[in-house]
N, C-alpha and C. Protein backbone atom coordinates (compact mmCIF):
# COMPACT_ATOMS: atom_id res chain seq x y z
N UNK A 1 -14.23 153.00 -34.91
CA UNK A 1 -14.71 152.91 -36.11
C UNK A 1 -14.06 151.64 -36.90
N UNK A 2 -13.07 150.72 -36.30
CA UNK A 2 -12.95 149.69 -37.26
C UNK A 2 -13.93 148.51 -36.85
N UNK A 3 -14.50 148.70 -35.48
CA UNK A 3 -15.47 147.69 -35.33
C UNK A 3 -16.76 147.99 -35.90
N UNK A 4 -17.07 149.09 -36.03
CA UNK A 4 -18.31 149.53 -37.19
C UNK A 4 -18.27 148.98 -38.54
N UNK A 5 -16.91 149.14 -39.12
CA UNK A 5 -16.67 148.49 -40.34
C UNK A 5 -16.32 147.03 -40.48
N UNK A 6 -16.25 146.47 -39.29
CA UNK A 6 -16.02 145.22 -39.41
C UNK A 6 -17.25 144.30 -39.06
N UNK A 7 -18.14 145.12 -38.47
CA UNK A 7 -19.52 144.66 -38.42
C UNK A 7 -20.31 144.83 -39.69
N UNK A 8 -20.21 146.06 -40.31
CA UNK A 8 -20.90 146.13 -41.31
C UNK A 8 -20.27 145.28 -42.63
N UNK A 9 -19.15 144.81 -42.58
CA UNK A 9 -18.42 143.95 -43.57
C UNK A 9 -19.01 142.65 -43.51
N UNK A 10 -18.97 142.16 -42.27
CA UNK A 10 -19.72 141.09 -41.66
C UNK A 10 -20.95 140.79 -42.29
N UNK A 11 -21.65 141.91 -42.23
CA UNK A 11 -23.35 141.83 -42.72
C UNK A 11 -23.33 141.70 -43.81
N UNK A 12 -22.68 142.53 -44.75
CA UNK A 12 -22.62 142.37 -46.35
C UNK A 12 -22.36 140.97 -46.78
N UNK A 13 -21.14 140.11 -46.03
CA UNK A 13 -20.85 139.10 -46.64
C UNK A 13 -21.91 138.02 -46.34
N UNK A 14 -22.89 138.16 -44.91
CA UNK A 14 -23.57 137.55 -44.60
C UNK A 14 -24.79 137.75 -45.55
N UNK A 15 -25.25 138.76 -46.07
CA UNK A 15 -26.55 139.11 -47.00
C UNK A 15 -26.21 138.42 -48.31
N UNK A 16 -24.85 138.39 -48.60
CA UNK A 16 -24.67 137.87 -49.81
C UNK A 16 -24.79 136.21 -50.14
N UNK A 17 -24.97 135.42 -49.03
CA UNK A 17 -24.97 134.12 -48.71
C UNK A 17 -26.60 133.81 -48.66
N UNK A 18 -27.21 134.50 -48.12
CA UNK A 18 -28.60 134.39 -47.67
C UNK A 18 -29.39 134.68 -48.81
N UNK A 19 -28.99 135.77 -49.57
CA UNK A 19 -29.70 136.10 -50.88
C UNK A 19 -29.50 135.02 -51.73
N UNK A 20 -28.22 134.28 -51.87
CA UNK A 20 -27.94 133.56 -52.79
C UNK A 20 -28.56 132.05 -52.47
N UNK A 21 -28.61 131.82 -51.23
CA UNK A 21 -29.45 130.56 -50.76
C UNK A 21 -30.85 130.39 -50.99
N UNK A 22 -31.32 131.61 -50.80
CA UNK A 22 -33.34 131.61 -50.78
C UNK A 22 -33.45 131.18 -52.16
N UNK A 23 -33.21 131.45 -53.27
CA UNK A 23 -33.55 131.01 -54.76
C UNK A 23 -33.45 129.52 -54.45
N UNK A 24 -32.31 128.97 -53.76
CA UNK A 24 -32.10 127.64 -54.12
C UNK A 24 -32.99 126.49 -53.14
N UNK A 25 -33.38 127.26 -52.36
CA UNK A 25 -34.59 126.65 -51.39
C UNK A 25 -35.97 126.84 -52.41
N UNK A 26 -36.16 127.97 -52.72
CA UNK A 26 -37.14 128.04 -53.38
C UNK A 26 -37.53 127.18 -54.59
N UNK A 27 -36.63 127.29 -55.38
CA UNK A 27 -36.67 126.56 -56.76
C UNK A 27 -35.27 125.73 -56.95
N UNK A 28 -34.89 124.64 -56.60
CA UNK A 28 -33.78 124.24 -56.52
C UNK A 28 -33.36 123.59 -58.01
N UNK A 29 -34.25 123.90 -58.92
CA UNK A 29 -34.05 123.14 -60.38
C UNK A 29 -32.85 124.14 -61.32
N UNK A 30 -32.77 125.15 -60.93
CA UNK A 30 -31.61 126.08 -61.56
C UNK A 30 -30.45 125.54 -60.82
N UNK A 31 -30.42 125.52 -59.50
CA UNK A 31 -28.87 124.90 -58.70
C UNK A 31 -28.76 123.77 -59.17
N UNK A 32 -29.83 122.96 -59.54
CA UNK A 32 -29.58 121.39 -59.89
C UNK A 32 -29.16 121.38 -61.18
N UNK A 33 -29.40 122.19 -61.88
CA UNK A 33 -29.30 122.09 -63.40
C UNK A 33 -27.43 122.61 -63.70
N UNK A 34 -26.96 123.71 -62.79
CA UNK A 34 -25.57 123.99 -62.83
C UNK A 34 -24.78 122.89 -61.95
N UNK A 35 -25.49 122.17 -61.20
CA UNK A 35 -24.47 121.41 -60.59
C UNK A 35 -24.44 119.81 -61.72
N UNK A 36 -25.57 119.76 -62.28
CA UNK A 36 -25.18 118.75 -63.46
C UNK A 36 -24.20 118.99 -64.43
N UNK A 37 -24.06 120.45 -64.64
CA UNK A 37 -23.37 120.71 -65.75
C UNK A 37 -21.83 120.82 -65.32
N UNK A 38 -21.75 120.62 -63.78
CA UNK A 38 -20.32 120.45 -63.47
C UNK A 38 -20.02 118.94 -63.07
N UNK A 39 -21.02 117.94 -63.53
CA UNK A 39 -20.89 116.67 -63.30
C UNK A 39 -20.77 116.29 -61.75
N UNK A 40 -21.79 117.08 -60.94
CA UNK A 40 -21.88 116.96 -59.77
C UNK A 40 -23.21 116.55 -59.11
N UNK A 41 -23.67 115.76 -58.20
CA UNK A 41 -25.02 115.02 -57.72
C UNK A 41 -26.26 116.65 -57.59
N UNK A 42 -27.13 116.22 -58.51
CA UNK A 42 -28.23 117.41 -58.49
C UNK A 42 -28.86 117.40 -57.06
N UNK A 43 -29.02 116.61 -56.39
CA UNK A 43 -29.40 116.45 -54.93
C UNK A 43 -28.87 117.04 -54.06
N UNK A 44 -27.62 117.76 -54.33
CA UNK A 44 -26.81 118.85 -53.52
C UNK A 44 -27.61 120.25 -53.28
N UNK A 45 -28.41 120.32 -54.43
CA UNK A 45 -29.36 121.57 -54.71
C UNK A 45 -29.63 122.43 -53.21
N UNK A 46 -30.65 121.37 -53.01
CA UNK A 46 -31.48 121.99 -51.71
C UNK A 46 -30.48 122.37 -50.33
N UNK A 47 -29.59 121.16 -50.50
CA UNK A 47 -28.53 121.15 -49.11
C UNK A 47 -27.90 122.39 -49.28
N UNK A 48 -27.33 122.62 -50.36
CA UNK A 48 -26.45 123.90 -50.61
C UNK A 48 -27.15 125.21 -50.19
N UNK A 49 -28.30 125.10 -50.74
CA UNK A 49 -29.09 126.40 -50.42
C UNK A 49 -29.50 126.66 -49.06
N UNK A 50 -29.75 125.58 -48.11
CA UNK A 50 -29.90 125.51 -46.67
C UNK A 50 -28.82 125.89 -46.20
N UNK A 51 -27.56 125.45 -46.28
CA UNK A 51 -26.11 125.70 -45.82
C UNK A 51 -25.96 127.05 -46.04
N UNK A 52 -26.18 127.86 -47.41
CA UNK A 52 -25.96 129.21 -47.62
C UNK A 52 -26.86 130.01 -46.50
N UNK A 53 -28.14 129.92 -46.44
CA UNK A 53 -28.87 130.67 -45.80
C UNK A 53 -28.48 130.64 -44.23
N UNK A 54 -28.24 129.33 -43.82
CA UNK A 54 -28.11 129.16 -42.45
C UNK A 54 -26.65 129.69 -42.08
N UNK A 55 -25.79 129.49 -42.98
CA UNK A 55 -24.42 129.84 -42.41
C UNK A 55 -24.37 131.49 -42.76
N UNK A 56 -25.27 132.05 -43.73
CA UNK A 56 -25.26 133.38 -43.77
C UNK A 56 -25.83 134.15 -42.48
N UNK A 57 -27.00 133.67 -41.97
CA UNK A 57 -27.33 134.10 -40.67
C UNK A 57 -26.64 134.03 -39.56
N UNK A 58 -26.14 132.78 -39.52
CA UNK A 58 -24.99 132.61 -38.45
C UNK A 58 -23.93 133.64 -38.46
N UNK A 59 -23.59 133.99 -39.40
CA UNK A 59 -22.06 135.09 -39.92
C UNK A 59 -22.92 136.39 -39.30
N UNK A 60 -24.18 136.54 -39.89
CA UNK A 60 -24.53 138.07 -39.50
C UNK A 60 -24.94 138.39 -38.11
N UNK A 61 -25.21 136.98 -37.32
CA UNK A 61 -25.43 137.25 -36.06
C UNK A 61 -24.01 137.19 -35.21
N UNK A 62 -23.04 136.76 -35.94
CA UNK A 62 -21.70 136.52 -35.30
C UNK A 62 -21.63 135.32 -34.14
N UNK A 63 -22.42 134.31 -34.54
CA UNK A 63 -22.54 133.05 -33.81
C UNK A 63 -21.57 132.30 -34.23
N UNK A 64 -20.57 131.57 -33.84
CA UNK A 64 -19.46 130.34 -34.30
C UNK A 64 -18.74 131.39 -35.63
N UNK A 65 -18.51 132.62 -35.52
CA UNK A 65 -18.10 133.08 -36.66
C UNK A 65 -16.68 132.83 -37.39
N UNK A 66 -15.72 132.22 -36.57
CA UNK A 66 -14.63 131.90 -37.26
C UNK A 66 -14.55 130.69 -37.99
N UNK A 67 -15.59 129.64 -37.26
CA UNK A 67 -15.96 128.50 -37.90
C UNK A 67 -16.76 128.86 -39.33
N UNK A 68 -17.51 129.49 -39.15
CA UNK A 68 -18.76 129.78 -40.40
C UNK A 68 -18.06 130.54 -41.09
N UNK A 69 -17.09 131.51 -40.86
CA UNK A 69 -16.36 132.20 -41.88
C UNK A 69 -15.31 131.13 -42.95
N UNK A 70 -14.54 130.58 -42.06
CA UNK A 70 -13.92 129.72 -42.75
C UNK A 70 -14.67 128.61 -43.60
N UNK A 71 -15.70 127.97 -43.19
CA UNK A 71 -16.59 127.01 -44.09
C UNK A 71 -16.96 127.84 -45.39
N UNK A 72 -17.48 128.90 -45.22
CA UNK A 72 -17.85 129.63 -46.38
C UNK A 72 -16.60 130.21 -47.28
N UNK A 73 -15.57 130.36 -46.67
CA UNK A 73 -14.43 130.57 -47.67
C UNK A 73 -14.26 129.50 -48.38
N UNK A 74 -14.11 128.33 -47.91
CA UNK A 74 -13.96 127.06 -48.51
C UNK A 74 -15.01 126.80 -49.56
N UNK A 75 -16.19 127.01 -49.30
CA UNK A 75 -17.32 126.82 -50.01
C UNK A 75 -17.17 127.57 -51.44
N UNK A 76 -16.75 128.88 -51.11
CA UNK A 76 -16.61 129.82 -52.32
C UNK A 76 -15.56 129.60 -52.84
N UNK A 77 -14.71 129.15 -52.89
CA UNK A 77 -13.51 128.65 -53.51
C UNK A 77 -13.62 127.54 -53.87
N UNK A 78 -14.67 126.37 -53.72
CA UNK A 78 -14.80 125.16 -54.14
C UNK A 78 -15.78 125.59 -55.35
N UNK A 79 -16.67 126.46 -55.16
CA UNK A 79 -17.56 126.98 -56.30
C UNK A 79 -16.67 127.34 -57.40
N UNK A 80 -15.81 128.28 -57.05
CA UNK A 80 -14.88 128.93 -58.20
C UNK A 80 -14.23 127.91 -58.88
N UNK A 81 -13.78 126.88 -58.41
CA UNK A 81 -13.19 125.77 -58.94
C UNK A 81 -14.14 124.91 -59.76
N UNK A 82 -15.35 124.81 -59.45
CA UNK A 82 -16.25 123.89 -60.18
C UNK A 82 -16.86 124.82 -61.24
N UNK A 83 -17.38 125.80 -61.09
CA UNK A 83 -18.17 126.37 -61.91
C UNK A 83 -17.77 127.89 -62.51
N UNK A 84 -16.56 128.56 -62.24
CA UNK A 84 -15.90 129.54 -62.50
C UNK A 84 -14.50 129.18 -63.09
N UNK A 85 -14.21 128.15 -63.90
CA UNK A 85 -12.59 127.84 -63.95
C UNK A 85 -12.30 127.99 -65.44
N UNK A 86 -13.10 128.52 -66.29
CA UNK A 86 -12.73 128.77 -67.71
C UNK A 86 -12.27 130.33 -67.56
N UNK A 87 -10.86 130.29 -67.56
CA UNK A 87 -10.43 131.71 -67.24
C UNK A 87 -10.32 132.44 -68.63
N UNK A 88 -10.31 131.92 -69.70
CA UNK A 88 -10.29 132.52 -70.96
C UNK A 88 -11.46 133.27 -71.12
N UNK A 89 -12.75 132.99 -70.70
CA UNK A 89 -14.03 133.53 -70.69
C UNK A 89 -13.72 134.69 -69.68
N UNK A 90 -13.84 136.16 -70.29
CA UNK A 90 -13.93 137.24 -69.50
C UNK A 90 -14.68 136.93 -68.45
N UNK A 91 -16.07 136.67 -68.56
CA UNK A 91 -17.12 136.92 -67.47
C UNK A 91 -16.95 135.90 -66.34
N UNK A 92 -16.48 134.43 -67.14
CA UNK A 92 -15.70 133.52 -65.88
C UNK A 92 -14.42 134.04 -65.21
N UNK A 93 -13.78 134.55 -65.76
CA UNK A 93 -12.75 135.24 -65.03
C UNK A 93 -12.98 135.84 -63.97
N UNK A 94 -14.17 136.96 -64.17
CA UNK A 94 -14.39 138.07 -63.36
C UNK A 94 -15.24 137.11 -62.31
N UNK A 95 -16.03 136.38 -62.47
CA UNK A 95 -16.78 135.63 -61.51
C UNK A 95 -15.67 135.17 -60.53
N UNK A 96 -14.66 134.57 -61.01
CA UNK A 96 -13.63 133.63 -60.42
C UNK A 96 -12.97 134.86 -59.26
N UNK A 97 -12.88 135.69 -60.02
CA UNK A 97 -12.04 137.06 -59.22
C UNK A 97 -12.92 137.30 -57.89
N UNK A 98 -14.22 137.55 -58.50
CA UNK A 98 -15.30 137.90 -57.54
C UNK A 98 -15.18 137.14 -56.18
N UNK A 99 -15.33 135.60 -56.70
CA UNK A 99 -15.10 134.79 -55.59
C UNK A 99 -14.08 134.67 -54.65
N UNK A 100 -12.94 134.83 -55.15
CA UNK A 100 -11.48 134.97 -54.66
C UNK A 100 -11.62 136.22 -53.67
N UNK A 101 -12.17 137.23 -53.90
CA UNK A 101 -12.19 138.58 -53.28
C UNK A 101 -13.14 138.16 -51.88
N UNK A 102 -14.32 137.52 -52.26
CA UNK A 102 -15.09 137.22 -51.23
C UNK A 102 -14.52 135.93 -50.07
N UNK A 103 -13.87 134.92 -50.53
CA UNK A 103 -13.13 134.40 -49.72
C UNK A 103 -12.05 135.17 -48.94
N UNK A 104 -11.41 135.71 -49.60
CA UNK A 104 -10.51 136.79 -48.66
C UNK A 104 -11.21 137.59 -47.75
N UNK A 105 -12.39 138.18 -47.93
CA UNK A 105 -13.20 138.93 -46.98
C UNK A 105 -13.43 137.98 -45.80
N UNK A 106 -13.81 136.72 -46.22
CA UNK A 106 -14.31 135.67 -45.06
C UNK A 106 -13.13 135.37 -44.18
N UNK A 107 -11.95 135.23 -44.78
CA UNK A 107 -10.61 135.05 -44.13
C UNK A 107 -10.35 136.06 -43.33
N UNK A 108 -10.57 137.45 -43.45
CA UNK A 108 -10.34 138.57 -42.63
C UNK A 108 -11.39 138.48 -41.47
N UNK A 109 -12.57 137.97 -41.82
CA UNK A 109 -13.56 137.64 -40.65
C UNK A 109 -13.04 136.69 -39.67
N UNK A 110 -12.48 135.50 -40.54
CA UNK A 110 -11.76 134.58 -39.64
C UNK A 110 -10.59 134.87 -38.62
N UNK A 111 -10.39 135.84 -38.97
CA UNK A 111 -8.76 136.51 -38.02
C UNK A 111 -9.51 137.25 -37.06
N UNK A 112 -10.32 138.26 -37.62
CA UNK A 112 -10.79 139.15 -36.57
C UNK A 112 -12.38 139.04 -36.29
N UNK A 113 -13.02 137.85 -36.55
CA UNK A 113 -14.43 137.40 -36.09
C UNK A 113 -14.94 137.83 -34.74
N UNK A 114 -14.09 137.84 -33.88
CA UNK A 114 -14.61 137.89 -32.50
C UNK A 114 -14.66 139.38 -31.88
N UNK A 115 -15.00 140.33 -33.08
CA UNK A 115 -15.16 141.61 -32.70
C UNK A 115 -16.25 142.02 -31.96
N UNK A 116 -16.65 143.28 -31.60
CA UNK A 116 -17.66 143.84 -30.95
C UNK A 116 -18.69 143.73 -32.06
N UNK A 117 -19.76 143.50 -31.31
CA UNK A 117 -21.48 143.50 -32.05
C UNK A 117 -21.66 142.10 -32.42
N UNK A 118 -20.84 140.83 -31.93
CA UNK A 118 -21.41 139.52 -32.29
C UNK A 118 -21.62 138.91 -31.13
N UNK A 119 -22.28 137.58 -31.30
CA UNK A 119 -22.58 136.79 -30.29
C UNK A 119 -21.36 136.23 -29.51
N UNK A 120 -20.36 135.98 -30.40
CA UNK A 120 -19.25 135.39 -30.01
C UNK A 120 -18.35 136.08 -29.16
N UNK A 121 -18.30 137.67 -29.39
CA UNK A 121 -17.69 138.57 -28.44
C UNK A 121 -18.20 138.48 -27.16
N UNK A 122 -19.77 138.80 -27.03
CA UNK A 122 -20.42 138.64 -25.89
C UNK A 122 -20.32 137.57 -24.94
N UNK A 123 -20.24 136.32 -25.87
CA UNK A 123 -20.01 135.01 -25.02
C UNK A 123 -18.56 135.11 -24.32
N UNK A 124 -17.85 135.74 -24.99
CA UNK A 124 -16.44 135.62 -24.60
C UNK A 124 -16.07 136.70 -23.44
N UNK A 125 -16.71 137.80 -23.32
CA UNK A 125 -16.95 138.82 -22.61
C UNK A 125 -17.54 138.37 -21.14
N UNK A 126 -18.87 137.45 -21.33
CA UNK A 126 -19.40 136.80 -20.15
C UNK A 126 -18.42 135.82 -19.39
N UNK A 127 -17.87 135.25 -20.21
CA UNK A 127 -17.04 133.84 -19.58
C UNK A 127 -15.73 134.65 -19.17
N UNK A 128 -15.36 135.72 -19.48
CA UNK A 128 -14.14 136.45 -18.47
C UNK A 128 -14.97 137.14 -17.37
N UNK A 129 -16.00 137.57 -17.40
CA UNK A 129 -16.79 138.12 -16.06
C UNK A 129 -16.99 136.79 -15.21
N UNK A 130 -17.31 135.93 -15.78
CA UNK A 130 -17.69 134.84 -14.61
C UNK A 130 -16.49 134.27 -14.22
N UNK A 131 -15.17 134.03 -14.96
CA UNK A 131 -14.29 133.88 -14.37
C UNK A 131 -13.47 134.56 -13.24
N UNK A 132 -13.78 135.93 -13.68
CA UNK A 132 -13.32 137.01 -12.53
C UNK A 132 -14.09 137.14 -11.49
N UNK A 133 -15.47 136.89 -11.39
CA UNK A 133 -16.14 136.34 -10.09
C UNK A 133 -16.05 135.13 -9.65
N UNK A 134 -15.58 134.29 -10.03
CA UNK A 134 -15.04 133.13 -9.59
C UNK A 134 -13.92 133.17 -8.73
N UNK A 135 -12.82 133.96 -9.35
CA UNK A 135 -11.66 134.22 -8.79
C UNK A 135 -11.74 135.09 -7.46
N UNK A 136 -12.42 135.93 -7.55
CA UNK A 136 -12.86 136.63 -6.62
C UNK A 136 -13.41 135.83 -5.19
N UNK A 137 -14.20 135.21 -5.29
CA UNK A 137 -15.04 134.20 -4.53
C UNK A 137 -14.17 133.19 -3.87
N UNK A 138 -13.00 132.87 -4.84
CA UNK A 138 -12.07 132.11 -4.39
C UNK A 138 -11.12 133.00 -3.49
N UNK A 139 -10.78 133.90 -3.73
CA UNK A 139 -9.77 134.91 -3.05
C UNK A 139 -10.72 135.31 -1.57
N UNK A 140 -11.93 135.11 -1.87
CA UNK A 140 -12.65 135.74 -0.44
C UNK A 140 -12.37 134.71 0.52
N UNK A 141 -12.84 133.45 0.01
CA UNK A 141 -12.96 132.28 0.57
C UNK A 141 -11.67 131.84 1.31
N UNK A 142 -10.62 132.23 0.58
CA UNK A 142 -9.20 132.11 1.02
C UNK A 142 -8.95 132.97 2.19
N UNK A 143 -9.00 134.21 2.14
CA UNK A 143 -9.10 135.32 3.24
C UNK A 143 -9.95 134.70 4.47
N UNK A 144 -11.24 134.21 4.25
CA UNK A 144 -11.87 133.76 5.40
C UNK A 144 -11.43 132.65 6.12
N UNK A 145 -10.64 131.92 5.27
CA UNK A 145 -10.14 130.57 6.11
C UNK A 145 -8.58 131.06 6.74
N UNK A 146 -8.12 131.84 6.02
CA UNK A 146 -7.06 132.52 6.78
C UNK A 146 -7.19 133.05 7.85
N UNK A 147 -8.41 133.94 7.89
CA UNK A 147 -8.75 134.58 9.31
C UNK A 147 -9.25 133.79 10.31
N UNK A 148 -9.85 132.79 9.86
CA UNK A 148 -10.37 131.66 10.80
C UNK A 148 -9.15 130.94 11.40
N UNK A 149 -8.30 130.45 10.85
CA UNK A 149 -6.81 129.87 11.24
C UNK A 149 -6.33 130.75 12.18
N UNK A 150 -6.03 131.89 11.75
CA UNK A 150 -5.46 133.08 12.50
C UNK A 150 -6.13 133.03 13.93
N UNK A 151 -7.45 133.12 13.84
CA UNK A 151 -8.47 133.36 15.25
C UNK A 151 -8.28 132.09 16.01
N UNK A 152 -7.96 130.95 15.37
CA UNK A 152 -7.66 129.70 16.34
C UNK A 152 -6.33 129.71 16.85
N UNK A 153 -5.46 130.36 15.70
CA UNK A 153 -3.93 130.14 16.50
C UNK A 153 -4.01 130.97 17.84
N UNK A 154 -4.77 132.49 17.65
CA UNK A 154 -4.57 133.34 18.77
C UNK A 154 -5.28 132.51 19.87
N UNK A 155 -6.54 131.90 19.76
CA UNK A 155 -7.16 131.36 20.84
C UNK A 155 -6.27 130.24 21.55
N UNK A 156 -5.60 129.35 20.56
CA UNK A 156 -4.71 128.33 21.47
C UNK A 156 -3.30 129.14 21.92
N UNK A 157 -3.22 130.14 21.58
CA UNK A 157 -1.83 130.99 22.03
C UNK A 157 -2.59 131.53 23.75
N UNK A 158 -3.58 131.95 23.48
CA UNK A 158 -4.28 132.50 24.90
C UNK A 158 -4.30 131.41 26.12
N UNK A 159 -4.76 130.29 25.76
CA UNK A 159 -4.93 129.03 26.62
C UNK A 159 -3.33 128.61 27.15
N UNK A 160 -2.53 128.85 26.23
CA UNK A 160 -1.30 128.34 26.90
C UNK A 160 -0.39 129.11 27.92
N UNK A 161 -0.86 130.63 27.94
CA UNK A 161 -0.28 131.52 28.71
C UNK A 161 -0.71 131.45 30.09
């Protein structure tokens, strides 16, 4: 049951970033205006949208989950620092707390990101299977070499008698 909850939580977090990034790609002027209000380069609007969409999709697929989740957590905390730093305003304080909660969820994904139903988990499982198969092949090869050596030793022993 916890694997299902982790999978759904990862999907919900990913959806948040994908849906936030698409409008920035379609019409970056709104994001550019927000960036200008924070004295940041307006040219970052489009790359920010692309980052959010791509990172959200990678998170949803479970590909490079730990890296993507820590990058998104840092991105979310930076957004809080630059855009929701007026804690006297109740709306800005609520937005800041929301972002902190999202970053916390992303840190949980970082901690438990390679759970079932992710590409990372499938890759790790496959890597373990390949390693086990190689170990079995090496053990089989060692047994064959030992048997051959034993056969040669017996053959030499028969000659000396």
